[in-house]
Amino acid sequence: MFSPPDQLTVADFLSPTWRKLEAYINTRIADLRERNDQDADAEATAKLRGRIGAFKELLALDITKPGNVTPTTPDDGAAGM
């Protein structure tokens, strides 16, 4: 999982614009999942899953959601030394 860009703030994710975008993304994910449930070849299924994954990555940017909080300092592997 990647961390959100430094330019995004908590206020960005509480904005009406983000909420509209979030609703749109969730609608797209639901549509893609429905299409993925239909019979399709392996390549088409992989493409749909990739698109779903990309949308989920965008939703994971929201640092106001539990589990999406990113560390305030980079983890360089030196923690605990």
PDB file of N, CA and C in Angstrom:
ATOM      1  N   MET A   1       0.849  -1.174   0.000  1.00  0.00           N
ATOM      2  CA  MET A   1       0.000   0.000   0.000  1.00  0.00           C
ATOM      3  C   MET A   1       0.891   1.232   0.000  1.00  0.00           C
ATOM      4  N   PHE A   2       0.461   2.253  -0.688  1.00  0.00           N
ATOM      5  CA  PHE A   2       1.222   3.488  -0.759  1.00  0.00           C
ATOM      6  C   PHE A   2       0.646   4.516   0.190  1.00  0.00           C
ATOM      7  N   SER A   3       1.442   5.515   0.519  1.00  0.00           N
ATOM      8  CA  SER A   3       0.941   6.563   1.399  1.00  0.00           C
ATOM      9  C   SER A   3       0.431   7.736   0.580  1.00  0.00           C
ATOM     10  N   PRO A   4      -0.510   8.488   1.169  1.00  0.00           N
ATOM     11  CA  PRO A   4      -1.065   9.618   0.430  1.00  0.00           C
ATOM     12  C   PRO A   4      -0.011  10.693   0.186  1.00  0.00           C
ATOM     13  N   PRO A   5      -0.186  11.423  -0.876  1.00  0.00           N
ATOM     14  CA  PRO A   5       0.749  12.526  -1.135  1.00  0.00           C
ATOM     15  C   PRO A   5       0.770  13.508   0.027  1.00  0.00           C
ATOM     16  N   ASP A   6       1.929  14.077   0.283  1.00  0.00           N
ATOM     17  CA  ASP A   6       2.085  15.016   1.389  1.00  0.00           C
ATOM     18  C   ASP A   6       1.175  16.231   1.261  1.00  0.00           C
ATOM     19  N   GLN A   7       0.738  16.550   0.063  1.00  0.00           N
ATOM     20  CA  GLN A   7      -0.072  17.744  -0.143  1.00  0.00           C
ATOM     21  C   GLN A   7      -1.512  17.565   0.334  1.00  0.00           C
ATOM     22  N   LEU A   8      -1.971  16.330   0.560  1.00  0.00           N
ATOM     23  CA  LEU A   8      -3.350  16.101   0.991  1.00  0.00           C
ATOM     24  C   LEU A   8      -3.451  16.169   2.505  1.00  0.00           C
ATOM     25  N   THR A   9      -4.504  16.809   2.980  1.00  0.00           N
ATOM     26  CA  THR A   9      -4.706  16.979   4.413  1.00  0.00           C
ATOM     27  C   THR A   9      -6.019  16.320   4.841  1.00  0.00           C
ATOM     28  N   VAL A  10      -6.219  16.228   6.140  1.00  0.00           N
ATOM     29  CA  VAL A  10      -7.473  15.697   6.668  1.00  0.00           C
ATOM     30  C   VAL A  10      -8.644  16.500   6.111  1.00  0.00           C
ATOM     31  N   ALA A  11      -8.484  17.816   6.038  1.00  0.00           N
ATOM     32  CA  ALA A  11      -9.550  18.674   5.512  1.00  0.00           C
ATOM     33  C   ALA A  11      -9.920  18.296   4.078  1.00  0.00           C
ATOM     34  N   ASP A  12      -8.943  17.885   3.286  1.00  0.00           N
ATOM     35  CA  ASP A  12      -9.229  17.469   1.910  1.00  0.00           C
ATOM     36  C   ASP A  12     -10.198  16.292   1.885  1.00  0.00           C
ATOM     37  N   PHE A  13     -10.004  15.355   2.811  1.00  0.00           N
ATOM     38  CA  PHE A  13     -10.831  14.157   2.830  1.00  0.00           C
ATOM     39  C   PHE A  13     -12.179  14.378   3.507  1.00  0.00           C
ATOM     40  N   LEU A  14     -12.364  15.506   4.142  1.00  0.00           N
ATOM     41  CA  LEU A  14     -13.646  15.847   4.736  1.00  0.00           C
ATOM     42  C   LEU A  14     -14.442  16.790   3.839  1.00  0.00           C
ATOM     43  N   SER A  15     -13.868  17.173   2.722  1.00  0.00           N
ATOM     44  CA  SER A  15     -14.510  18.132   1.824  1.00  0.00           C
ATOM     45  C   SER A  15     -15.658  17.488   1.045  1.00  0.00           C
ATOM     46  N   PRO A  16     -16.615  18.303   0.638  1.00  0.00           N
ATOM     47  CA  PRO A  16     -17.711  17.797  -0.191  1.00  0.00           C
ATOM     48  C   PRO A  16     -17.216  17.197  -1.511  1.00  0.00           C
ATOM     49  N   THR A  17     -16.152  17.759  -2.040  1.00  0.00           N
ATOM     50  CA  THR A  17     -15.610  17.244  -3.303  1.00  0.00           C
ATOM     51  C   THR A  17     -15.112  15.813  -3.132  1.00  0.00           C
ATOM     52  N   TRP A  18     -14.367  15.549  -2.051  1.00  0.00           N
ATOM     53  CA  TRP A  18     -13.876  14.187  -1.811  1.00  0.00           C
ATOM     54  C   TRP A  18     -15.051  13.241  -1.594  1.00  0.00           C
ATOM     55  N   ARG A  19     -16.053  13.669  -0.859  1.00  0.00           N
ATOM     56  CA  ARG A  19     -17.212  12.811  -0.583  1.00  0.00           C
ATOM     57  C   ARG A  19     -17.931  12.442  -1.887  1.00  0.00           C
ATOM     58  N   LYS A  20     -18.048  13.391  -2.816  1.00  0.00           N
ATOM     59  CA  LYS A  20     -18.654  13.097  -4.115  1.00  0.00           C
ATOM     60  C   LYS A  20     -17.788  12.121  -4.900  1.00  0.00           C
ATOM     61  N   LEU A  21     -16.501  12.356  -4.890  1.00  0.00           N
ATOM     62  CA  LEU A  21     -15.573  11.469  -5.587  1.00  0.00           C
ATOM     63  C   LEU A  21     -15.606  10.069  -4.979  1.00  0.00           C
ATOM     64  N   GLU A  22     -15.639  10.000  -3.661  1.00  0.00           N
ATOM     65  CA  GLU A  22     -15.697   8.724  -2.959  1.00  0.00           C
ATOM     66  C   GLU A  22     -16.972   7.948  -3.340  1.00  0.00           C
ATOM     67  N   ALA A  23     -18.092   8.649  -3.399  1.00  0.00           N
ATOM     68  CA  ALA A  23     -19.357   8.006  -3.783  1.00  0.00           C
ATOM     69  C   ALA A  23     -19.274   7.482  -5.221  1.00  0.00           C
ATOM     70  N   TYR A  24     -18.690   8.285  -6.106  1.00  0.00           N
ATOM     71  CA  TYR A  24     -18.525   7.862  -7.497  1.00  0.00           C
ATOM     72  C   TYR A  24     -17.640   6.624  -7.576  1.00  0.00           C
ATOM     73  N   ILE A  25     -16.527   6.633  -6.867  1.00  0.00           N
ATOM     74  CA  ILE A  25     -15.604   5.501  -6.890  1.00  0.00           C
ATOM     75  C   ILE A  25     -16.291   4.243  -6.368  1.00  0.00           C
ATOM     76  N   ASN A  26     -17.034   4.359  -5.282  1.00  0.00           N
ATOM     77  CA  ASN A  26     -17.737   3.196  -4.745  1.00  0.00           C
ATOM     78  C   ASN A  26     -18.771   2.654  -5.725  1.00  0.00           C
ATOM     79  N   THR A  27     -19.437   3.545  -6.463  1.00  0.00           N
ATOM     80  CA  THR A  27     -20.384   3.117  -7.489  1.00  0.00           C
ATOM     81  C   THR A  27     -19.670   2.368  -8.602  1.00  0.00           C
ATOM     82  N   ARG A  28     -18.532   2.906  -9.016  1.00  0.00           N
ATOM     83  CA  ARG A  28     -17.736   2.245 -10.075  1.00  0.00           C
ATOM     84  C   ARG A  28     -17.247   0.870  -9.618  1.00  0.00           C
ATOM     85  N   ILE A  29     -16.793   0.773  -8.368  1.00  0.00           N
ATOM     86  CA  ILE A  29     -16.334  -0.520  -7.844  1.00  0.00           C
ATOM     87  C   ILE A  29     -17.489  -1.525  -7.868  1.00  0.00           C
ATOM     88  N   ALA A  30     -18.666  -1.106  -7.433  1.00  0.00           N
ATOM     89  CA  ALA A  30     -19.825  -2.004  -7.429  1.00  0.00           C
ATOM     90  C   ALA A  30     -20.157  -2.468  -8.847  1.00  0.00           C
ATOM     91  N   ASP A  31     -20.101  -1.543  -9.803  1.00  0.00           N
ATOM     92  CA  ASP A  31     -20.369  -1.886 -11.199  1.00  0.00           C
ATOM     93  C   ASP A  31     -19.333  -2.880 -11.727  1.00  0.00           C
ATOM     94  N   LEU A  32     -18.074  -2.613 -11.445  1.00  0.00           N
ATOM     95  CA  LEU A  32     -17.011  -3.506 -11.919  1.00  0.00           C
ATOM     96  C   LEU A  32     -17.113  -4.880 -11.268  1.00  0.00           C
ATOM     97  N   ARG A  33     -17.478  -4.927  -9.997  1.00  0.00           N
ATOM     98  CA  ARG A  33     -17.651  -6.222  -9.325  1.00  0.00           C
ATOM     99  C   ARG A  33     -18.797  -7.009  -9.958  1.00  0.00           C
ATOM    100  N   GLU A  34     -19.875  -6.304 -10.284  1.00  0.00           N
ATOM    101  CA  GLU A  34     -21.004  -6.964 -10.935  1.00  0.00           C
ATOM    102  C   GLU A  34     -20.585  -7.537 -12.279  1.00  0.00           C
ATOM    103  N   ARG A  35     -19.851  -6.758 -13.038  1.00  0.00           N
ATOM    104  CA  ARG A  35     -19.352  -7.236 -14.336  1.00  0.00           C
ATOM    105  C   ARG A  35     -18.391  -8.397 -14.158  1.00  0.00           C
ATOM    106  N   ASN A  36     -17.607  -8.373 -13.079  1.00  0.00           N
ATOM    107  CA  ASN A  36     -16.638  -9.436 -12.827  1.00  0.00           C
ATOM    108  C   ASN A  36     -17.335 -10.745 -12.448  1.00  0.00           C
ATOM    109  N   ASP A  37     -18.543 -10.645 -11.897  1.00  0.00           N
ATOM    110  CA  ASP A  37     -19.279 -11.841 -11.501  1.00  0.00           C
ATOM    111  C   ASP A  37     -19.857 -12.599 -12.705  1.00  0.00           C
ATOM    112  N   GLN A  38     -19.877 -11.949 -13.854  1.00  0.00           N
ATOM    113  CA  GLN A  38     -20.372 -12.599 -15.064  1.00  0.00           C
ATOM    114  C   GLN A  38     -19.268 -13.480 -15.645  1.00  0.00           C
ATOM    115  N   ASP A  39     -19.672 -14.407 -16.491  1.00  0.00           N
ATOM    116  CA  ASP A  39     -18.689 -15.276 -17.139  1.00  0.00           C
ATOM    117  C   ASP A  39     -17.796 -14.450 -18.054  1.00  0.00           C
ATOM    118  N   ALA A  40     -16.510 -14.576 -17.841  1.00  0.00           N
ATOM    119  CA  ALA A  40     -15.528 -13.873 -18.674  1.00  0.00           C
ATOM    120  C   ALA A  40     -14.251 -14.694 -18.685  1.00  0.00           C
ATOM    121  N   ASP A  41     -13.448 -14.462 -19.694  1.00  0.00           N
ATOM    122  CA  ASP A  41     -12.182 -15.193 -19.750  1.00  0.00           C
ATOM    123  C   ASP A  41     -11.211 -14.630 -18.712  1.00  0.00           C
ATOM    124  N   ALA A  42     -10.113 -15.314 -18.517  1.00  0.00           N
ATOM    125  CA  ALA A  42      -9.148 -14.945 -17.477  1.00  0.00           C
ATOM    126  C   ALA A  42      -8.589 -13.542 -17.696  1.00  0.00           C
ATOM    127  N   GLU A  43      -8.352 -13.175 -18.934  1.00  0.00           N
ATOM    128  CA  GLU A  43      -7.784 -11.851 -19.222  1.00  0.00           C
ATOM    129  C   GLU A  43      -8.768 -10.733 -18.861  1.00  0.00           C
ATOM    130  N   ALA A  44     -10.019 -10.905 -19.236  1.00  0.00           N
ATOM    131  CA  ALA A  44     -11.035  -9.898 -18.915  1.00  0.00           C
ATOM    132  C   ALA A  44     -11.221  -9.787 -17.406  1.00  0.00           C
ATOM    133  N   THR A  45     -11.219 -10.920 -16.733  1.00  0.00           N
ATOM    134  CA  THR A  45     -11.348 -10.921 -15.272  1.00  0.00           C
ATOM    135  C   THR A  45     -10.180 -10.201 -14.628  1.00  0.00           C
ATOM    136  N   ALA A  46      -8.975 -10.462 -15.112  1.00  0.00           N
ATOM    137  CA  ALA A  46      -7.784  -9.806 -14.560  1.00  0.00           C
ATOM    138  C   ALA A  46      -7.842  -8.292 -14.763  1.00  0.00           C
ATOM    139  N   LYS A  47      -8.321  -7.857 -15.919  1.00  0.00           N
ATOM    140  CA  LYS A  47      -8.438  -6.425 -16.183  1.00  0.00           C
ATOM    141  C   LYS A  47      -9.440  -5.779 -15.230  1.00  0.00           C
ATOM    142  N   LEU A  48     -10.576  -6.429 -15.041  1.00  0.00           N
ATOM    143  CA  LEU A  48     -11.583  -5.878 -14.123  1.00  0.00           C
ATOM    144  C   LEU A  48     -11.040  -5.818 -12.699  1.00  0.00           C
ATOM    145  N   ARG A  49     -10.360  -6.858 -12.273  1.00  0.00           N
ATOM    146  CA  ARG A  49      -9.779  -6.863 -10.932  1.00  0.00           C
ATOM    147  C   ARG A  49      -8.724  -5.768 -10.779  1.00  0.00           C
ATOM    148  N   GLY A  50      -7.968  -5.536 -11.832  1.00  0.00           N
ATOM    149  CA  GLY A  50      -6.976  -4.456 -11.796  1.00  0.00           C
ATOM    150  C   GLY A  50      -7.626  -3.094 -11.656  1.00  0.00           C
ATOM    151  N   ARG A  51      -8.718  -2.891 -12.363  1.00  0.00           N
ATOM    152  CA  ARG A  51      -9.430  -1.613 -12.261  1.00  0.00           C
ATOM    153  C   ARG A  51     -10.031  -1.443 -10.872  1.00  0.00           C
ATOM    154  N   ILE A  52     -10.586  -2.521 -10.323  1.00  0.00           N
ATOM    155  CA  ILE A  52     -11.133  -2.466  -8.968  1.00  0.00           C
ATOM    156  C   ILE A  52     -10.026  -2.117  -7.981  1.00  0.00           C
ATOM    157  N   GLY A  53      -8.873  -2.755  -8.142  1.00  0.00           N
ATOM    158  CA  GLY A  53      -7.732  -2.488  -7.261  1.00  0.00           C
ATOM    159  C   GLY A  53      -7.274  -1.040  -7.335  1.00  0.00           C
ATOM    160  N   ALA A  54      -7.268  -0.479  -8.533  1.00  0.00           N
ATOM    161  CA  ALA A  54      -6.853   0.917  -8.690  1.00  0.00           C
ATOM    162  C   ALA A  54      -7.819   1.865  -7.973  1.00  0.00           C
ATOM    163  N   PHE A  55      -9.114   1.589  -8.091  1.00  0.00           N
ATOM    164  CA  PHE A  55     -10.096   2.412  -7.381  1.00  0.00           C
ATOM    165  C   PHE A  55      -9.936   2.271  -5.872  1.00  0.00           C
ATOM    166  N   LYS A  56      -9.667   1.050  -5.415  1.00  0.00           N
ATOM    167  CA  LYS A  56      -9.477   0.838  -3.978  1.00  0.00           C
ATOM    168  C   LYS A  56      -8.237   1.581  -3.474  1.00  0.00           C
ATOM    169  N   GLU A  57      -7.209   1.663  -4.288  1.00  0.00           N
ATOM    170  CA  GLU A  57      -6.017   2.428  -3.904  1.00  0.00           C
ATOM    171  C   GLU A  57      -6.360   3.900  -3.710  1.00  0.00           C
ATOM    172  N   LEU A  58      -7.210   4.425  -4.569  1.00  0.00           N
ATOM    173  CA  LEU A  58      -7.636   5.818  -4.401  1.00  0.00           C
ATOM    174  C   LEU A  58      -8.402   6.004  -3.100  1.00  0.00           C
ATOM    175  N   LEU A  59      -9.307   5.074  -2.789  1.00  0.00           N
ATOM    176  CA  LEU A  59     -10.057   5.172  -1.537  1.00  0.00           C
ATOM    177  C   LEU A  59      -9.133   5.057  -0.327  1.00  0.00           C
ATOM    178  N   ALA A  60      -8.062   4.293  -0.465  1.00  0.00           N
ATOM    179  CA  ALA A  60      -7.125   4.101   0.646  1.00  0.00           C
ATOM    180  C   ALA A  60      -6.324   5.362   0.955  1.00  0.00           C
ATOM    181  N   LEU A  61      -6.383   6.352   0.083  1.00  0.00           N
ATOM    182  CA  LEU A  61      -5.718   7.625   0.361  1.00  0.00           C
ATOM    183  C   LEU A  61      -6.350   8.356   1.537  1.00  0.00           C
ATOM    184  N   ASP A  62      -7.622   8.072   1.809  1.00  0.00           N
ATOM    185  CA  ASP A  62      -8.385   8.800   2.832  1.00  0.00           C
ATOM    186  C   ASP A  62      -7.839   8.492   4.222  1.00  0.00           C
ATOM    187  N   ILE A  63      -7.049   9.419   4.741  1.00  0.00           N
ATOM    188  CA  ILE A  63      -6.393   9.223   6.038  1.00  0.00           C
ATOM    189  C   ILE A  63      -7.359   9.382   7.204  1.00  0.00           C
ATOM    190  N   THR A  64      -8.615   9.735   6.929  1.00  0.00           N
ATOM    191  CA  THR A  64      -9.588   9.847   8.009  1.00  0.00           C
ATOM    192  C   THR A  64     -10.268   8.510   8.306  1.00  0.00           C
ATOM    193  N   LYS A  65     -10.029   7.504   7.483  1.00  0.00           N
ATOM    194  CA  LYS A  65     -10.637   6.195   7.675  1.00  0.00           C
ATOM    195  C   LYS A  65      -9.711   5.308   8.515  1.00  0.00           C
ATOM    196  N   PRO A  66     -10.281   4.539   9.449  1.00  0.00           N
ATOM    197  CA  PRO A  66      -9.450   3.616  10.237  1.00  0.00           C
ATOM    198  C   PRO A  66      -8.709   2.648   9.312  1.00  0.00           C
ATOM    199  N   GLY A  67      -7.469   2.419   9.628  1.00  0.00           N
ATOM    200  CA  GLY A  67      -6.655   1.519   8.821  1.00  0.00           C
ATOM    201  C   GLY A  67      -5.933   2.199   7.682  1.00  0.00           C
ATOM    202  N   ASN A  68      -6.300   3.422   7.346  1.00  0.00           N
ATOM    203  CA  ASN A  68      -5.651   4.148   6.257  1.00  0.00           C
ATOM    204  C   ASN A  68      -4.662   5.184   6.779  1.00  0.00           C
ATOM    205  N   VAL A  69      -4.438   5.218   8.078  1.00  0.00           N
ATOM    206  CA  VAL A  69      -3.530   6.206   8.660  1.00  0.00           C
ATOM    207  C   VAL A  69      -2.114   5.846   8.288  1.00  0.00           C
ATOM    208  N   THR A  70      -1.389   6.828   7.822  1.00  0.00           N
ATOM    209  CA  THR A  70      -0.009   6.599   7.429  1.00  0.00           C
ATOM    210  C   THR A  70       0.932   7.128   8.517  1.00  0.00           C
ATOM    211  N   PRO A  71       2.110   6.537   8.645  1.00  0.00           N
ATOM    212  CA  PRO A  71       3.037   7.024   9.665  1.00  0.00           C
ATOM    213  C   PRO A  71       3.473   8.446   9.390  1.00  0.00           C
ATOM    214  N   THR A  72       3.778   9.165  10.457  1.00  0.00           N
ATOM    215  CA  THR A  72       4.213  10.548  10.305  1.00  0.00           C
ATOM    216  C   THR A  72       5.693  10.626   9.971  1.00  0.00           C
ATOM    217  N   THR A  73       6.427   9.557  10.234  1.00  0.00           N
ATOM    218  CA  THR A  73       7.832   9.517   9.862  1.00  0.00           C
ATOM    219  C   THR A  73       8.066   8.322   8.962  1.00  0.00           C
ATOM    220  N   PRO A  74       8.999   8.445   8.026  1.00  0.00           N
ATOM    221  CA  PRO A  74       9.243   7.326   7.119  1.00  0.00           C
ATOM    222  C   PRO A  74       9.812   6.132   7.870  1.00  0.00           C
ATOM    223  N   ASP A  75       9.429   4.954   7.442  1.00  0.00           N
ATOM    224  CA  ASP A  75       9.957   3.722   8.019  1.00  0.00           C
ATOM    225  C   ASP A  75      11.152   3.293   7.172  1.00  0.00           C
ATOM    226  N   ASP A  76      12.337   3.536   7.690  1.00  0.00           N
ATOM    227  CA  ASP A  76      13.541   3.188   6.930  1.00  0.00           C
ATOM    228  C   ASP A  76      14.144   1.884   7.436  1.00  0.00           C
ATOM    229  N   GLY A  77      13.392   1.162   8.238  1.00  0.00           N
ATOM    230  CA  GLY A  77      13.885  -0.106   8.743  1.00  0.00           C
ATOM    231  C   GLY A  77      14.768   0.048   9.962  1.00  0.00           C
ATOM    232  N   ALA A  78      15.008   1.283  10.396  1.00  0.00           N
ATOM    233  CA  ALA A  78      15.907   1.512  11.523  1.00  0.00           C
ATOM    234  C   ALA A  78      15.150   1.573  12.858  1.00  0.00           C
ATOM    235  N   ALA A  79      13.852   1.425  12.822  1.00  0.00           N
ATOM    236  CA  ALA A  79      13.075   1.504  14.054  1.00  0.00           C
ATOM    237  C   ALA A  79      13.495   0.403  15.013  1.00  0.00           C
ATOM    238  N   GLY A  80      13.608   0.750  16.261  1.00  0.00           N
ATOM    239  CA  GLY A  80      13.956  -0.237  17.274  1.00  0.00           C
ATOM    240  C   GLY A  80      15.432  -0.495  17.393  1.00  0.00           C
ATOM    241  N   MET A  81      16.254   0.246  16.664  1.00  0.00           N
ATOM    242  CA  MET A  81      17.709   0.031  16.741  1.00  0.00           C
ATOM    243  C   MET A  81      18.298   0.879  17.830  1.00  0.00           C
TER     244      MET A  81
END
